[in-house]
């Protein structure tokens, strides 16, 4: 009996450390911080497929890049700049990890990857991209719902903040949107459906991640927003950003003209006639 109590007590004290070690392992770190933007043998997402990365780059370079890619870009590292430009200039968040933690992530990638699947994943990505080129009409129910969610006409199920609080799309809408975060007009063209879905699921951007942490979007909400962004990309990405401003200027001009005509009519109607 005493031995059983001793074993239970020992397990009780060991369990927290086991949990902490699991969370700080390569697998735990990868799933918590990397999987939103990267895959292993799954093809390009927001960032590159990481299969084969250990053979492609020196470990010392990978440690520096994972810890702070922006620092390397600002220093002029040619490889870091090339990757930044290739992947839509979306900055990878810095990671305050030790060398051992980063190496554990790299080891997890090495243990998980299958070199034979890398080419197959690339070919699958090309096929998926082709299949995604589906025409979306203005009356598409998913597009209409995505627009309603984006502009706040419909509330998110779990109370997430309306998209236009921070974002903007050049879709000709008078309402416009916020300028705190990036313009999403051409986001679908840069990221594709998989990239947008990944960001909406587990955003790599700190402010957005905090905003959605306790207000997760449902799968159908993410799909509707993705369809909406695809429509905007297909119809507005190559149009000048001045279209909305021109429309607002035209409407304000019309209001001003109506005001002046009304004012003149009132003044003229009440003018003093000579006796």
C-alpha atoms as a PDB file:
ATOM      1  CA  UNK A   1       0.000   0.000   0.000  1.00  0.00           C
ATOM      2  CA  UNK A   2       2.802   2.409   0.968  1.00  0.00           C
ATOM      3  CA  UNK A   3       4.614   1.527  -2.232  1.00  0.00           C
ATOM      4  CA  UNK A   4       1.509   2.341  -4.304  1.00  0.00           C
ATOM      5  CA  UNK A   5       1.159   5.728  -2.593  1.00  0.00           C
ATOM      6  CA  UNK A   6       4.854   6.416  -3.233  1.00  0.00           C
ATOM      7  CA  UNK A   7       4.487   5.620  -6.955  1.00  0.00           C
ATOM      8  CA  UNK A   8       1.392   7.808  -7.280  1.00  0.00           C
ATOM      9  CA  UNK A   9       3.154  10.691  -5.530  1.00  0.00           C
ATOM     10  CA  UNK A  10       6.224  10.272  -7.736  1.00  0.00           C
ATOM     11  CA  UNK A  11       4.101  10.300 -10.877  1.00  0.00           C
ATOM     12  CA  UNK A  12       2.279  13.414  -9.654  1.00  0.00           C
ATOM     13  CA  UNK A  13       5.542  15.329  -9.367  1.00  0.00           C
ATOM     14  CA  UNK A  14       6.952  13.988 -12.602  1.00  0.00           C
ATOM     15  CA  UNK A  15       3.872  14.614 -14.751  1.00  0.00           C
ATOM     16  CA  UNK A  16       4.202  18.426 -14.936  1.00  0.00           C
ATOM     17  CA  UNK A  17       7.816  18.144 -16.087  1.00  0.00           C
ATOM     18  CA  UNK A  18       6.790  15.574 -18.688  1.00  0.00           C
ATOM     19  CA  UNK A  19       4.121  17.959 -19.952  1.00  0.00           C
ATOM     20  CA  UNK A  20       6.566  20.880 -20.077  1.00  0.00           C
ATOM     21  CA  UNK A  21       9.141  18.789 -21.953  1.00  0.00           C
ATOM     22  CA  UNK A  22       6.490  17.717 -24.478  1.00  0.00           C
ATOM     23  CA  UNK A  23       5.490  21.326 -25.074  1.00  0.00           C
ATOM     24  CA  UNK A  24       9.102  22.431 -25.569  1.00  0.00           C
ATOM     25  CA  UNK A  25      10.028  19.499 -27.822  1.00  0.00           C
ATOM     26  CA  UNK A  26      10.598  19.932 -31.523  1.00  0.00           C
ATOM     27  CA  UNK A  27       7.196  18.509 -32.349  1.00  0.00           C
ATOM     28  CA  UNK A  28       5.414  20.709 -29.821  1.00  0.00           C
ATOM     29  CA  UNK A  29       7.191  23.874 -30.966  1.00  0.00           C
ATOM     30  CA  UNK A  30       6.588  23.075 -34.633  1.00  0.00           C
ATOM     31  CA  UNK A  31       2.862  22.438 -34.180  1.00  0.00           C
ATOM     32  CA  UNK A  32       2.394  25.505 -31.991  1.00  0.00           C
ATOM     33  CA  UNK A  33       4.380  28.037 -34.022  1.00  0.00           C
ATOM     34  CA  UNK A  34       5.319  26.686 -37.459  1.00  0.00           C
ATOM     35  CA  UNK A  35       2.400  24.626 -38.768  1.00  0.00           C
ATOM     36  CA  UNK A  36       0.197  27.681 -39.452  1.00  0.00           C
ATOM     37  CA  UNK A  37       2.515  28.777 -42.269  1.00  0.00           C
ATOM     38  CA  UNK A  38       4.533  25.684 -43.214  1.00  0.00           C
ATOM     39  CA  UNK A  39       4.039  22.034 -44.072  1.00  0.00           C
ATOM     40  CA  UNK A  40       6.342  19.021 -44.166  1.00  0.00           C
ATOM     41  CA  UNK A  41       5.789  17.253 -47.491  1.00  0.00           C
ATOM     42  CA  UNK A  42       2.483  19.082 -47.873  1.00  0.00           C
ATOM     43  CA  UNK A  43       3.544  21.713 -50.402  1.00  0.00           C
ATOM     44  CA  UNK A  44       3.754  25.473 -50.130  1.00  0.00           C
ATOM     45  CA  UNK A  45       1.418  27.193 -47.687  1.00  0.00           C
ATOM     46  CA  UNK A  46       2.117  30.774 -46.550  1.00  0.00           C
ATOM     47  CA  UNK A  47       5.780  29.874 -46.374  1.00  0.00           C
ATOM     48  CA  UNK A  48       7.774  27.106 -48.087  1.00  0.00           C
ATOM     49  CA  UNK A  49       7.436  23.372 -47.550  1.00  0.00           C
ATOM     50  CA  UNK A  50      10.118  22.525 -44.987  1.00  0.00           C
ATOM     51  CA  UNK A  51      10.855  19.012 -46.229  1.00  0.00           C
ATOM     52  CA  UNK A  52      14.552  18.811 -47.077  1.00  0.00           C
ATOM     53  CA  UNK A  53      15.402  22.138 -45.411  1.00  0.00           C
ATOM     54  CA  UNK A  54      18.190  20.564 -43.345  1.00  0.00           C
ATOM     55  CA  UNK A  55      20.003  19.495 -46.513  1.00  0.00           C
ATOM     56  CA  UNK A  56      19.275  22.770 -48.316  1.00  0.00           C
ATOM     57  CA  UNK A  57      20.754  25.170 -45.732  1.00  0.00           C
ATOM     58  CA  UNK A  58      23.539  25.128 -43.132  1.00  0.00           C
ATOM     59  CA  UNK A  59      22.285  24.580 -39.585  1.00  0.00           C
ATOM     60  CA  UNK A  60      23.903  27.803 -38.328  1.00  0.00           C
ATOM     61  CA  UNK A  61      22.061  29.784 -41.034  1.00  0.00           C
ATOM     62  CA  UNK A  62      18.761  28.094 -40.171  1.00  0.00           C
ATOM     63  CA  UNK A  63      19.182  28.880 -36.474  1.00  0.00           C
ATOM     64  CA  UNK A  64      19.769  32.571 -37.217  1.00  0.00           C
ATOM     65  CA  UNK A  65      16.912  32.750 -39.740  1.00  0.00           C
ATOM     66  CA  UNK A  66      14.371  31.021 -37.487  1.00  0.00           C
ATOM     67  CA  UNK A  67      15.327  33.197 -34.530  1.00  0.00           C
ATOM     68  CA  UNK A  68      14.943  36.461 -36.485  1.00  0.00           C
ATOM     69  CA  UNK A  69      14.440  36.416 -40.240  1.00  0.00           C
ATOM     70  CA  UNK A  70      13.856  40.186 -40.298  1.00  0.00           C
ATOM     71  CA  UNK A  71      17.229  40.846 -38.693  1.00  0.00           C
ATOM     72  CA  UNK A  72      18.900  38.816 -41.434  1.00  0.00           C
ATOM     73  CA  UNK A  73      16.900  40.597 -44.141  1.00  0.00           C
ATOM     74  CA  UNK A  74      17.872  44.005 -42.771  1.00  0.00           C
ATOM     75  CA  UNK A  75      21.507  42.896 -42.667  1.00  0.00           C
ATOM     76  CA  UNK A  76      21.324  42.204 -46.408  1.00  0.00           C
ATOM     77  CA  UNK A  77      21.636  38.400 -46.325  1.00  0.00           C
ATOM     78  CA  UNK A  78      20.929  37.473 -49.955  1.00  0.00           C
ATOM     79  CA  UNK A  79      19.178  34.170 -49.191  1.00  0.00           C
ATOM     80  CA  UNK A  80      16.941  35.747 -46.537  1.00  0.00           C
ATOM     81  CA  UNK A  81      16.016  38.621 -48.877  1.00  0.00           C
ATOM     82  CA  UNK A  82      15.257  36.206 -51.728  1.00  0.00           C
ATOM     83  CA  UNK A  83      12.925  34.109 -49.542  1.00  0.00           C
ATOM     84  CA  UNK A  84      11.208  37.261 -48.230  1.00  0.00           C
ATOM     85  CA  UNK A  85      10.554  38.500 -51.772  1.00  0.00           C
ATOM     86  CA  UNK A  86       9.428  35.115 -53.077  1.00  0.00           C
ATOM     87  CA  UNK A  87       6.826  34.667 -50.354  1.00  0.00           C
ATOM     88  CA  UNK A  88       4.936  37.942 -50.822  1.00  0.00           C
ATOM     89  CA  UNK A  89       7.133  39.888 -48.370  1.00  0.00           C
ATOM     90  CA  UNK A  90       5.220  38.470 -45.427  1.00  0.00           C
ATOM     91  CA  UNK A  91       7.522  38.676 -42.396  1.00  0.00           C
ATOM     92  CA  UNK A  92       8.080  35.518 -40.377  1.00  0.00           C
ATOM     93  CA  UNK A  93       7.654  36.218 -36.652  1.00  0.00           C
ATOM     94  CA  UNK A  94      10.783  36.113 -34.510  1.00  0.00           C
ATOM     95  CA  UNK A  95      11.233  33.174 -32.123  1.00  0.00           C
ATOM     96  CA  UNK A  96      12.900  33.657 -28.759  1.00  0.00           C
ATOM     97  CA  UNK A  97      14.154  30.070 -28.747  1.00  0.00           C
ATOM     98  CA  UNK A  98      17.467  28.657 -27.644  1.00  0.00           C
ATOM     99  CA  UNK A  99      19.763  26.922 -30.126  1.00  0.00           C
ATOM    100  CA  UNK A 100      18.719  23.585 -28.617  1.00  0.00           C
ATOM    101  CA  UNK A 101      15.029  24.309 -29.155  1.00  0.00           C
ATOM    102  CA  UNK A 102      15.559  25.334 -32.785  1.00  0.00           C
ATOM    103  CA  UNK A 103      17.679  22.235 -33.401  1.00  0.00           C
ATOM    104  CA  UNK A 104      14.903  20.099 -31.891  1.00  0.00           C
ATOM    105  CA  UNK A 105      12.469  21.594 -34.432  1.00  0.00           C
ATOM    106  CA  UNK A 106      14.911  20.893 -37.272  1.00  0.00           C
ATOM    107  CA  UNK A 107      15.349  17.316 -36.019  1.00  0.00           C
ATOM    108  CA  UNK A 108      11.564  16.883 -35.914  1.00  0.00           C
ATOM    109  CA  UNK A 109      11.369  18.041 -39.543  1.00  0.00           C
ATOM    110  CA  UNK A 110      14.128  15.594 -40.527  1.00  0.00           C
ATOM    111  CA  UNK A 111      12.410  12.706 -38.730  1.00  0.00           C
ATOM    112  CA  UNK A 112       8.980  13.535 -40.202  1.00  0.00           C
ATOM    113  CA  UNK A 113       9.838  14.305 -43.808  1.00  0.00           C
ATOM    114  CA  UNK A 114       9.791  11.831 -46.645  1.00  0.00           C
ATOM    115  CA  UNK A 115      12.172  12.927 -49.440  1.00  0.00           C
ATOM    116  CA  UNK A 116      10.260  10.848 -51.975  1.00  0.00           C
ATOM    117  CA  UNK A 117       7.097  12.865 -51.348  1.00  0.00           C
ATOM    118  CA  UNK A 118       8.617  16.319 -51.883  1.00  0.00           C
ATOM    119  CA  UNK A 119       8.205  16.328 -55.665  1.00  0.00           C
ATOM    120  CA  UNK A 120       4.773  14.745 -55.396  1.00  0.00           C
ATOM    121  CA  UNK A 121       3.712  17.520 -53.009  1.00  0.00           C
ATOM    122  CA  UNK A 122       4.866  20.168 -55.474  1.00  0.00           C
ATOM    123  CA  UNK A 123       2.925  18.531 -58.309  1.00  0.00           C
ATOM    124  CA  UNK A 124      -0.162  18.271 -56.090  1.00  0.00           C
ATOM    125  CA  UNK A 125       0.091  21.967 -55.283  1.00  0.00           C
ATOM    126  CA  UNK A 126       0.093  22.882 -58.977  1.00  0.00           C
ATOM    127  CA  UNK A 127      -2.982  20.697 -59.518  1.00  0.00           C
ATOM    128  CA  UNK A 128      -4.770  22.176 -56.498  1.00  0.00           C
ATOM    129  CA  UNK A 129      -4.037  25.703 -57.725  1.00  0.00           C
ATOM    130  CA  UNK A 130      -5.562  24.869 -61.087  1.00  0.00           C
ATOM    131  CA  UNK A 131      -8.665  23.399 -59.485  1.00  0.00           C
ATOM    132  CA  UNK A 132      -9.112  26.510 -57.337  1.00  0.00           C
ATOM    133  CA  UNK A 133      -9.564  28.733 -60.395  1.00  0.00           C
ATOM    134  CA  UNK A 134     -13.334  28.673 -60.214  1.00  0.00           C
ATOM    135  CA  UNK A 135     -15.412  31.656 -61.331  1.00  0.00           C
ATOM    136  CA  UNK A 136     -17.368  33.261 -58.493  1.00  0.00           C
ATOM    137  CA  UNK A 137     -20.417  35.332 -59.368  1.00  0.00           C
ATOM    138  CA  UNK A 138     -21.588  38.414 -57.486  1.00  0.00           C
ATOM    139  CA  UNK A 139     -24.692  36.501 -56.372  1.00  0.00           C
ATOM    140  CA  UNK A 140     -22.750  33.543 -54.943  1.00  0.00           C
ATOM    141  CA  UNK A 141     -24.148  32.903 -51.421  1.00  0.00           C
ATOM    142  CA  UNK A 142     -20.673  32.247 -49.971  1.00  0.00           C
ATOM    143  CA  UNK A 143     -19.343  35.493 -51.433  1.00  0.00           C
ATOM    144  CA  UNK A 144     -22.305  37.463 -50.069  1.00  0.00           C
ATOM    145  CA  UNK A 145     -21.880  35.945 -46.624  1.00  0.00           C
ATOM    146  CA  UNK A 146     -18.133  36.559 -46.684  1.00  0.00           C
ATOM    147  CA  UNK A 147     -18.767  40.215 -47.558  1.00  0.00           C
ATOM    148  CA  UNK A 148     -21.346  40.495 -44.755  1.00  0.00           C
ATOM    149  CA  UNK A 149     -18.845  39.059 -42.260  1.00  0.00           C
ATOM    150  CA  UNK A 150     -15.997  41.227 -43.535  1.00  0.00           C
ATOM    151  CA  UNK A 151     -17.983  44.470 -43.269  1.00  0.00           C
ATOM    152  CA  UNK A 152     -19.779  43.582 -40.047  1.00  0.00           C
ATOM    153  CA  UNK A 153     -23.305  43.210 -41.419  1.00  0.00           C
ATOM    154  CA  UNK A 154     -23.219  39.718 -39.905  1.00  0.00           C
ATOM    155  CA  UNK A 155     -21.520  39.019 -36.583  1.00  0.00           C
ATOM    156  CA  UNK A 156     -19.008  36.200 -36.185  1.00  0.00           C
ATOM    157  CA  UNK A 157     -20.356  33.238 -34.224  1.00  0.00           C
ATOM    158  CA  UNK A 158     -17.699  33.418 -31.501  1.00  0.00           C
ATOM    159  CA  UNK A 159     -17.500  37.201 -31.289  1.00  0.00           C
ATOM    160  CA  UNK A 160     -14.429  37.911 -33.417  1.00  0.00           C
ATOM    161  CA  UNK A 161     -13.720  41.528 -34.339  1.00  0.00           C
ATOM    162  CA  UNK A 162     -15.045  42.717 -37.705  1.00  0.00           C
ATOM    163  CA  UNK A 163     -12.388  42.535 -40.437  1.00  0.00           C
ATOM    164  CA  UNK A 164     -12.739  46.178 -41.528  1.00  0.00           C
ATOM    165  CA  UNK A 165     -11.635  47.315 -38.070  1.00  0.00           C
ATOM    166  CA  UNK A 166      -8.078  46.685 -39.300  1.00  0.00           C
ATOM    167  CA  UNK A 167      -8.205  45.673 -42.973  1.00  0.00           C
ATOM    168  CA  UNK A 168      -9.214  47.209 -46.277  1.00  0.00           C
ATOM    169  CA  UNK A 169     -10.097  45.909 -49.752  1.00  0.00           C
ATOM    170  CA  UNK A 170     -10.316  47.926 -52.929  1.00  0.00           C
ATOM    171  CA  UNK A 171     -13.700  46.491 -53.926  1.00  0.00           C
ATOM    172  CA  UNK A 172     -15.460  49.753 -54.755  1.00  0.00           C
ATOM    173  CA  UNK A 173     -17.328  49.859 -51.469  1.00  0.00           C
ATOM    174  CA  UNK A 174     -18.027  53.284 -50.009  1.00  0.00           C
ATOM    175  CA  UNK A 175     -17.451  51.962 -46.506  1.00  0.00           C
ATOM    176  CA  UNK A 176     -13.809  51.163 -47.207  1.00  0.00           C
ATOM    177  CA  UNK A 177     -12.083  49.758 -44.161  1.00  0.00           C
ATOM    178  CA  UNK A 178      -9.279  50.141 -41.650  1.00  0.00           C
ATOM    179  CA  UNK A 179      -5.656  50.939 -42.412  1.00  0.00           C
ATOM    180  CA  UNK A 180      -4.118  49.397 -39.286  1.00  0.00           C
ATOM    181  CA  UNK A 181      -3.211  46.193 -41.139  1.00  0.00           C
ATOM    182  CA  UNK A 182      -2.467  45.165 -44.715  1.00  0.00           C
ATOM    183  CA  UNK A 183      -4.663  45.772 -47.764  1.00  0.00           C
ATOM    184  CA  UNK A 184      -6.287  42.417 -48.573  1.00  0.00           C
ATOM    185  CA  UNK A 185      -7.312  43.192 -52.160  1.00  0.00           C
ATOM    186  CA  UNK A 186      -4.695  40.907 -53.728  1.00  0.00           C
ATOM    187  CA  UNK A 187      -4.205  38.598 -50.739  1.00  0.00           C
ATOM    188  CA  UNK A 188      -5.830  35.597 -52.424  1.00  0.00           C
ATOM    189  CA  UNK A 189      -3.515  35.935 -55.405  1.00  0.00           C
ATOM    190  CA  UNK A 190      -0.468  35.912 -53.117  1.00  0.00           C
ATOM    191  CA  UNK A 191      -1.533  33.253 -50.622  1.00  0.00           C
ATOM    192  CA  UNK A 192      -4.197  31.097 -52.271  1.00  0.00           C
ATOM    193  CA  UNK A 193      -7.040  29.417 -50.421  1.00  0.00           C
ATOM    194  CA  UNK A 194      -4.761  27.257 -48.264  1.00  0.00           C
ATOM    195  CA  UNK A 195      -2.703  30.235 -47.123  1.00  0.00           C
ATOM    196  CA  UNK A 196      -5.733  32.329 -46.180  1.00  0.00           C
ATOM    197  CA  UNK A 197      -7.337  29.421 -44.350  1.00  0.00           C
ATOM    198  CA  UNK A 198      -4.085  28.858 -42.429  1.00  0.00           C
ATOM    199  CA  UNK A 199      -3.889  32.510 -41.351  1.00  0.00           C
ATOM    200  CA  UNK A 200      -7.539  32.525 -40.254  1.00  0.00           C
ATOM    201  CA  UNK A 201      -6.966  29.311 -38.294  1.00  0.00           C
ATOM    202  CA  UNK A 202      -3.689  30.177 -36.557  1.00  0.00           C
ATOM    203  CA  UNK A 203      -2.417  33.586 -37.583  1.00  0.00           C
ATOM    204  CA  UNK A 204       1.336  34.231 -37.548  1.00  0.00           C
ATOM    205  CA  UNK A 205       0.636  37.940 -36.976  1.00  0.00           C
ATOM    206  CA  UNK A 206       0.702  38.731 -33.230  1.00  0.00           C
ATOM    207  CA  UNK A 207      -2.199  41.229 -33.115  1.00  0.00           C
ATOM    208  CA  UNK A 208      -4.470  39.005 -35.189  1.00  0.00           C
ATOM    209  CA  UNK A 209      -3.458  35.915 -33.246  1.00  0.00           C
ATOM    210  CA  UNK A 210      -4.377  37.571 -29.942  1.00  0.00           C
ATOM    211  CA  UNK A 211      -7.656  38.868 -31.403  1.00  0.00           C
ATOM    212  CA  UNK A 212      -8.758  35.402 -32.554  1.00  0.00           C
ATOM    213  CA  UNK A 213      -7.296  33.359 -29.700  1.00  0.00           C
ATOM    214  CA  UNK A 214     -10.580  33.233 -27.775  1.00  0.00           C
ATOM    215  CA  UNK A 215     -12.816  34.075 -30.727  1.00  0.00           C
ATOM    216  CA  UNK A 216     -12.103  31.303 -33.218  1.00  0.00           C
ATOM    217  CA  UNK A 217     -13.767  31.481 -36.619  1.00  0.00           C
ATOM    218  CA  UNK A 218     -15.933  28.551 -37.665  1.00  0.00           C
ATOM    219  CA  UNK A 219     -15.006  26.521 -40.746  1.00  0.00           C
ATOM    220  CA  UNK A 220     -17.909  27.933 -42.784  1.00  0.00           C
ATOM    221  CA  UNK A 221     -16.948  31.506 -41.799  1.00  0.00           C
ATOM    222  CA  UNK A 222     -13.368  30.917 -42.940  1.00  0.00           C
ATOM    223  CA  UNK A 223     -14.625  29.454 -46.204  1.00  0.00           C
ATOM    224  CA  UNK A 224     -16.966  32.403 -46.815  1.00  0.00           C
ATOM    225  CA  UNK A 225     -14.179  34.939 -46.180  1.00  0.00           C
ATOM    226  CA  UNK A 226     -11.847  33.009 -48.481  1.00  0.00           C
ATOM    227  CA  UNK A 227     -14.432  33.064 -51.288  1.00  0.00           C
ATOM    228  CA  UNK A 228     -14.983  36.787 -50.731  1.00  0.00           C
ATOM    229  CA  UNK A 229     -11.236  37.493 -50.953  1.00  0.00           C
ATOM    230  CA  UNK A 230     -10.971  35.355 -54.095  1.00  0.00           C
ATOM    231  CA  UNK A 231     -13.753  37.381 -55.712  1.00  0.00           C
ATOM    232  CA  UNK A 232     -12.089  40.675 -54.768  1.00  0.00           C
ATOM    233  CA  UNK A 233      -8.731  39.442 -56.068  1.00  0.00           C
ATOM    234  CA  UNK A 234     -10.219  38.280 -59.369  1.00  0.00           C
ATOM    235  CA  UNK A 235     -12.179  41.490 -59.998  1.00  0.00           C
ATOM    236  CA  UNK A 236     -10.256  44.281 -58.282  1.00  0.00           C
ATOM    237  CA  UNK A 237      -6.599  43.311 -57.772  1.00  0.00           C
ATOM    238  CA  UNK A 238      -5.446  44.983 -61.000  1.00  0.00           C
ATOM    239  CA  UNK A 239      -7.629  48.072 -60.696  1.00  0.00           C
ATOM    240  CA  UNK A 240      -6.292  51.344 -59.301  1.00  0.00           C
ATOM    241  CA  UNK A 241      -6.972  52.061 -55.650  1.00  0.00           C
ATOM    242  CA  UNK A 242      -8.497  55.410 -56.493  1.00  0.00           C
ATOM    243  CA  UNK A 243     -11.866  53.951 -57.605  1.00  0.00           C
ATOM    244  CA  UNK A 244     -13.432  54.192 -54.140  1.00  0.00           C
ATOM    245  CA  UNK A 245     -11.998  57.670 -53.518  1.00  0.00           C
ATOM    246  CA  UNK A 246     -13.338  58.856 -56.868  1.00  0.00           C
ATOM    247  CA  UNK A 247     -16.794  57.518 -56.024  1.00  0.00           C
ATOM    248  CA  UNK A 248     -16.773  59.267 -52.646  1.00  0.00           C
ATOM    249  CA  UNK A 249     -15.621  62.507 -54.311  1.00  0.00           C
ATOM    250  CA  UNK A 250     -18.425  62.225 -56.875  1.00  0.00           C
ATOM    251  CA  UNK A 251     -21.072  61.670 -54.192  1.00  0.00           C
ATOM    252  CA  UNK A 252     -19.806  64.549 -52.073  1.00  0.00           C
ATOM    253  CA  UNK A 253     -19.790  66.777 -55.139  1.00  0.00           C
ATOM    254  CA  UNK A 254     -23.399  65.860 -55.872  1.00  0.00           C
ATOM    255  CA  UNK A 255     -24.384  66.616 -52.266  1.00  0.00           C
ATOM    256  CA  UNK A 256     -22.626  69.979 -52.462  1.00  0.00           C
ATOM    257  CA  UNK A 257     -24.348  70.861 -55.741  1.00  0.00           C
ATOM    258  CA  UNK A 258     -27.762  69.937 -54.321  1.00  0.00           C
ATOM    259  CA  UNK A 259     -27.037  72.028 -51.213  1.00  0.00           C
ATOM    260  CA  UNK A 260     -26.020  75.061 -53.294  1.00  0.00           C
ATOM    261  CA  UNK A 261     -29.043  74.778 -55.571  1.00  0.00           C
ATOM    262  CA  UNK A 262     -31.347  74.450 -52.565  1.00  0.00           C
ATOM    263  CA  UNK A 263     -29.703  77.448 -50.916  1.00  0.00           C
ATOM    264  CA  UNK A 264     -30.035  79.540 -54.066  1.00  0.00           C
ATOM    265  CA  UNK A 265     -33.654  78.521 -54.448  1.00  0.00           C
ATOM    266  CA  UNK A 266     -34.472  79.550 -50.860  1.00  0.00           C
ATOM    267  CA  UNK A 267     -32.592  82.858 -51.153  1.00  0.00           C
ATOM    268  CA  UNK A 268     -34.120  83.603 -54.537  1.00  0.00           C
ATOM    269  CA  UNK A 269     -37.620  82.729 -53.334  1.00  0.00           C
ATOM    270  CA  UNK A 270     -37.325  85.119 -50.365  1.00  0.00           C
ATOM    271  CA  UNK A 271     -35.588  87.963 -52.159  1.00  0.00           C
ATOM    272  CA  UNK A 272     -36.826  91.494 -51.625  1.00  0.00           C
ATOM    273  CA  UNK A 273     -38.548  92.879 -54.654  1.00  0.00           C
ATOM    274  CA  UNK A 274     -38.219  96.616 -55.370  1.00  0.00           C
ATOM    275  CA  UNK A 275     -41.430  98.591 -54.625  1.00  0.00           C
END
